[in-house]
Amino acid sequence: MGKKTGIGTIGGGIGDGQFEKVQVNDAGIEFFNNLPEIMKAIAVADLLGLSIKTIYDWRYKQKTRNIPNNLFIKINRLLYLRTAVLREWITSQNQYLV
Protein backbone atom coordinates (compact mmCIF):
# COMPACT_ATOMS: atom_id res chain seq x y z
CA MET A 1 0.00 0.00 0.00
CA GLY A 2 1.15 3.51 -0.71
CA LYS A 3 1.97 5.93 2.04
CA LYS A 4 -0.36 8.90 2.27
CA THR A 5 1.71 12.07 2.10
CA GLY A 6 0.75 15.56 1.13
CA ILE A 7 -2.39 15.26 -0.98
CA GLY A 8 -2.79 11.49 -0.67
CA THR A 9 -2.19 8.48 -2.85
CA ILE A 10 -2.82 7.95 -6.51
CA GLY A 11 -3.81 4.59 -8.00
CA GLY A 12 -1.76 3.11 -10.83
CA GLY A 13 -3.20 0.18 -12.74
CA ILE A 14 -1.86 -3.33 -12.34
CA GLY A 15 -2.55 -6.05 -14.89
CA ASP A 16 -4.85 -8.10 -12.61
CA GLY A 17 -7.29 -5.23 -12.12
CA GLN A 18 -5.89 -4.21 -8.72
CA PHE A 19 -4.50 -0.76 -8.12
CA GLU A 20 -1.10 -0.05 -6.68
CA LYS A 21 -0.78 3.07 -4.58
CA VAL A 22 1.68 5.67 -5.81
CA GLN A 23 3.13 8.07 -3.30
CA VAL A 24 2.53 11.77 -3.71
CA ASN A 25 4.79 14.20 -1.89
CA ASP A 26 6.18 17.71 -2.24
CA ALA A 27 8.41 16.60 -5.13
CA GLY A 28 5.45 15.28 -7.15
CA ILE A 29 4.86 11.65 -8.03
CA GLU A 30 7.34 8.86 -7.52
CA PHE A 31 5.63 6.81 -10.19
CA PHE A 32 8.32 7.34 -12.82
CA ASN A 33 11.39 6.76 -10.66
CA ASN A 34 13.83 4.13 -11.93
CA LEU A 35 12.28 3.78 -15.39
CA PRO A 36 14.31 3.64 -18.61
CA GLU A 37 14.47 6.71 -20.86
CA ILE A 38 12.19 5.09 -23.42
CA MET A 39 9.64 2.30 -23.06
CA LYS A 40 7.65 0.20 -25.49
CA ALA A 41 4.01 1.22 -25.90
CA ILE A 42 2.75 -2.04 -24.37
CA ALA A 43 4.92 -1.51 -21.27
CA VAL A 44 3.55 2.03 -20.83
CA ALA A 45 0.00 0.73 -21.26
CA ASP A 46 0.61 -1.86 -18.52
CA LEU A 47 2.29 0.72 -16.28
CA LEU A 48 -0.60 3.17 -16.56
CA GLY A 49 -3.36 0.56 -16.56
CA LEU A 50 -4.49 1.48 -20.07
CA SER A 51 -5.12 -0.57 -23.18
CA ILE A 52 -2.54 -0.56 -25.95
CA LYS A 53 -5.28 0.86 -28.18
CA THR A 54 -5.36 3.99 -26.01
CA ILE A 55 -1.61 4.51 -26.45
CA TYR A 56 -1.93 4.21 -30.24
CA ASP A 57 -4.95 6.50 -30.13
CA TRP A 58 -2.75 9.11 -28.43
CA ARG A 59 -0.20 8.67 -31.21
CA TYR A 60 -2.56 9.10 -34.12
CA LYS A 61 -4.76 11.79 -32.57
CA GLN A 62 -1.84 13.66 -31.07
CA LYS A 63 -2.71 17.16 -32.26
CA THR A 64 -6.41 17.03 -31.37
CA ARG A 65 -5.67 15.71 -27.85
CA ASN A 66 -2.82 18.13 -27.02
CA ILE A 67 -0.24 15.39 -26.60
CA PRO A 68 3.41 16.50 -26.82
CA ASN A 69 5.01 16.06 -30.24
CA ASN A 70 8.18 14.54 -28.81
CA LEU A 71 6.45 11.86 -26.69
CA PHE A 72 6.67 9.13 -29.32
CA ILE A 73 9.63 7.53 -31.08
CA LYS A 74 9.59 4.83 -33.74
CA ILE A 75 12.53 2.44 -33.80
CA ASN A 76 12.50 -0.48 -36.22
CA ARG A 77 8.74 -0.06 -36.74
CA LEU A 78 8.09 -0.31 -33.00
CA LEU A 79 6.48 2.50 -31.03
CA TYR A 80 8.29 3.77 -27.94
CA LEU A 81 7.44 6.56 -25.50
CA ARG A 82 9.90 8.89 -23.79
CA THR A 83 9.29 8.53 -20.05
CA ALA A 84 10.51 12.03 -19.15
CA VAL A 85 8.07 13.61 -21.60
CA LEU A 86 5.28 11.29 -20.43
CA ARG A 87 5.88 12.28 -16.81
CA GLU A 88 5.89 15.98 -17.65
CA TRP A 89 2.68 15.64 -19.69
CA ILE A 90 0.83 13.63 -17.03
CA THR A 91 1.82 15.98 -14.21
CA SER A 92 0.83 19.03 -16.28
CA GLN A 93 -2.61 17.50 -16.92
CA ASN A 94 -3.33 16.65 -13.29
CA GLN A 95 -3.17 19.41 -10.69
CA TYR A 96 -2.93 16.90 -7.82
CA LEU A 97 0.36 15.46 -9.07
CA VAL A 98 2.33 18.70 -9.20
Foldseek 3Di string as FASTA:
>chain_A
DEDQEDPGWDWAAAPVRDTDTWYAYPVFTPLLPPDDQKDFLCVVCRRRVHDSVVVVVCVVCVVVVVQDPQQWDADPNTIMGGSVSVVVVVCVVDVRRD
